[in-house]
Amino acid sequence: MMKTSLSFLLLVIGLSSCHRRTVPSSQEVSGSETGLASFYSESYNGKKTANGEIYNSSDYTAAHKKLPFNTRVKVTNLSNGKTVKVRINDRGPFVAGRIIDLTRKAAKKIDMIGAGVAKVKISY
């Protein structure tokens, strides 16, 4: 009995010392940047993103190198003025000069599918 109680106590102490790493909320981040946007290839569909979600090309999500996960950003295609709002759930892009990778659905909304990349302004 004593050994079981001790084991339980150690388990409770161990669990209580665990804590989640906190990431700043999107309310704590503001600004904008301009650069090239690209979009994910279909080969990423169904794979885990950096925050652990499953990537879905039909969602309005995106990858950014530094913005906190769950930050919501407005992406404006500077060649046509079209905008889309997306949520950051992944890291990237890892190509020089690119500032954001959009899902196919988000890229389609701002008419950049044909070109593959577009000069955009992202506001957060």
Protein backbone atom coordinates (compact mmCIF):
# COMPACT_ATOMS: atom_id res chain seq x y z
CA MET A 1 0.00 0.00 0.00
CA MET A 2 2.78 2.41 0.97
CA LYS A 3 4.67 1.70 -2.30
CA THR A 4 1.51 2.35 -4.38
CA SER A 5 0.82 5.63 -2.55
CA LEU A 6 4.40 6.76 -3.05
CA SER A 7 4.26 5.91 -6.76
CA PHE A 8 1.00 7.83 -7.12
CA LEU A 9 2.43 10.83 -5.27
CA LEU A 10 5.52 10.87 -7.51
CA LEU A 11 3.29 10.67 -10.59
CA VAL A 12 1.19 13.62 -9.41
CA ILE A 13 4.28 15.70 -8.62
CA GLY A 14 5.78 14.85 -12.00
CA LEU A 15 2.63 15.80 -13.87
CA SER A 16 2.20 19.02 -11.96
CA SER A 17 5.68 20.13 -12.94
CA CYS A 18 4.89 19.68 -16.64
CA HIS A 19 3.81 22.80 -18.44
CA ARG A 20 3.04 23.75 -21.99
CA ARG A 21 5.31 26.10 -23.83
CA THR A 22 3.35 29.23 -24.50
CA VAL A 23 3.44 31.03 -27.80
CA PRO A 24 2.46 34.68 -28.05
CA SER A 25 -1.07 35.12 -29.30
CA SER A 26 -1.76 36.94 -32.53
CA GLN A 27 -3.05 39.86 -30.42
CA GLU A 28 0.53 40.48 -29.28
CA VAL A 29 1.90 40.71 -32.83
CA SER A 30 1.32 43.50 -35.33
CA GLY A 31 3.01 44.71 -38.47
CA SER A 32 3.36 44.00 -42.15
CA GLU A 33 5.91 42.86 -44.69
CA THR A 34 6.17 42.64 -48.45
CA GLY A 35 7.72 39.87 -50.49
CA LEU A 36 6.95 36.80 -52.56
CA ALA A 37 4.24 34.29 -51.72
CA SER A 38 4.13 30.75 -53.02
CA PHE A 39 1.81 27.84 -52.35
CA TYR A 40 2.25 24.26 -51.19
CA SER A 41 2.31 21.42 -53.67
CA GLU A 42 -0.39 18.77 -53.31
CA SER A 43 2.24 16.31 -52.03
CA TYR A 44 1.96 17.90 -48.56
CA ASN A 45 -1.75 17.12 -48.22
CA GLY A 46 -2.36 14.87 -45.20
CA LYS A 47 1.08 15.44 -43.64
CA LYS A 48 1.71 17.12 -40.30
CA THR A 49 2.47 20.81 -40.17
CA ALA A 50 4.98 22.28 -37.74
CA ASN A 51 2.29 22.86 -35.10
CA GLY A 52 1.09 19.23 -35.34
CA GLU A 53 -2.06 19.80 -37.42
CA ILE A 54 -2.68 17.79 -40.55
CA TYR A 55 -2.18 19.92 -43.65
CA ASN A 56 -5.29 20.35 -45.77
CA SER A 57 -4.99 22.23 -49.06
CA SER A 58 -8.67 23.24 -48.74
CA ASP A 59 -8.09 25.24 -45.53
CA TYR A 60 -7.11 28.89 -45.25
CA THR A 61 -3.74 28.34 -43.56
CA ALA A 62 -0.14 29.25 -44.30
CA ALA A 63 3.51 28.80 -43.39
CA HIS A 64 5.66 31.66 -42.13
CA LYS A 65 9.22 31.54 -40.82
CA LYS A 66 8.74 33.49 -37.58
CA LEU A 67 5.14 34.49 -36.82
CA PRO A 68 3.58 32.63 -33.87
CA PHE A 69 1.27 29.76 -34.68
CA ASN A 70 -2.40 30.76 -34.91
CA THR A 71 -1.55 34.32 -35.93
CA ARG A 72 -4.11 35.47 -38.46
CA VAL A 73 -2.75 37.44 -41.39
CA LYS A 74 -4.25 39.24 -44.36
CA VAL A 75 -2.42 38.53 -47.61
CA THR A 76 -2.84 41.02 -50.46
CA ASN A 77 -1.75 40.15 -53.99
CA LEU A 78 -0.13 43.41 -55.07
CA SER A 79 -0.71 42.80 -58.79
CA ASN A 80 -4.51 42.63 -58.51
CA GLY A 81 -5.46 43.88 -55.02
CA LYS A 82 -7.20 40.62 -54.05
CA THR A 83 -6.94 39.58 -50.40
CA VAL A 84 -7.30 36.46 -48.30
CA LYS A 85 -7.12 35.88 -44.56
CA VAL A 86 -5.14 32.86 -43.37
CA ARG A 87 -3.94 31.39 -40.08
CA ILE A 88 -0.27 30.49 -39.56
CA ASN A 89 0.12 26.79 -38.70
CA ASP A 90 3.44 25.84 -40.30
CA ARG A 91 7.04 27.00 -40.79
CA GLY A 92 8.48 28.04 -44.12
CA PRO A 93 8.89 28.86 -46.91
CA PHE A 94 12.49 27.79 -47.22
CA VAL A 95 13.19 29.40 -50.59
CA ALA A 96 15.14 32.67 -50.63
CA GLY A 97 12.97 35.75 -51.10
CA ARG A 98 9.69 34.10 -50.20
CA ILE A 99 7.86 35.24 -47.07
CA ILE A 100 4.77 33.01 -46.94
CA ASP A 101 3.49 29.69 -48.30
CA LEU A 102 -0.26 29.52 -48.78
CA THR A 103 -2.60 26.59 -49.17
CA ARG A 104 -3.91 26.01 -52.68
CA LYS A 105 -7.34 27.35 -51.67
CA ALA A 106 -5.85 30.60 -50.33
CA ALA A 107 -3.62 31.00 -53.39
CA LYS A 108 -6.61 30.49 -55.68
CA LYS A 109 -8.59 33.19 -53.84
CA ILE A 110 -5.94 35.81 -54.68
CA ASP A 111 -5.44 34.50 -58.26
CA MET A 112 -1.83 33.38 -58.02
CA ILE A 113 -2.19 29.73 -59.08
CA GLY A 114 -1.13 30.31 -62.71
CA ALA A 115 1.96 32.30 -61.84
CA GLY A 116 2.99 30.07 -58.92
CA VAL A 117 4.36 33.04 -56.96
CA ALA A 118 3.09 36.56 -56.40
CA LYS A 119 4.37 39.73 -54.79
CA VAL A 120 2.24 40.21 -51.69
CA LYS A 121 1.86 42.31 -48.62
CA ILE A 122 1.03 40.46 -45.43
CA SER A 123 -0.52 42.35 -42.54
CA TYR A 124 -0.78 40.92 -39.05
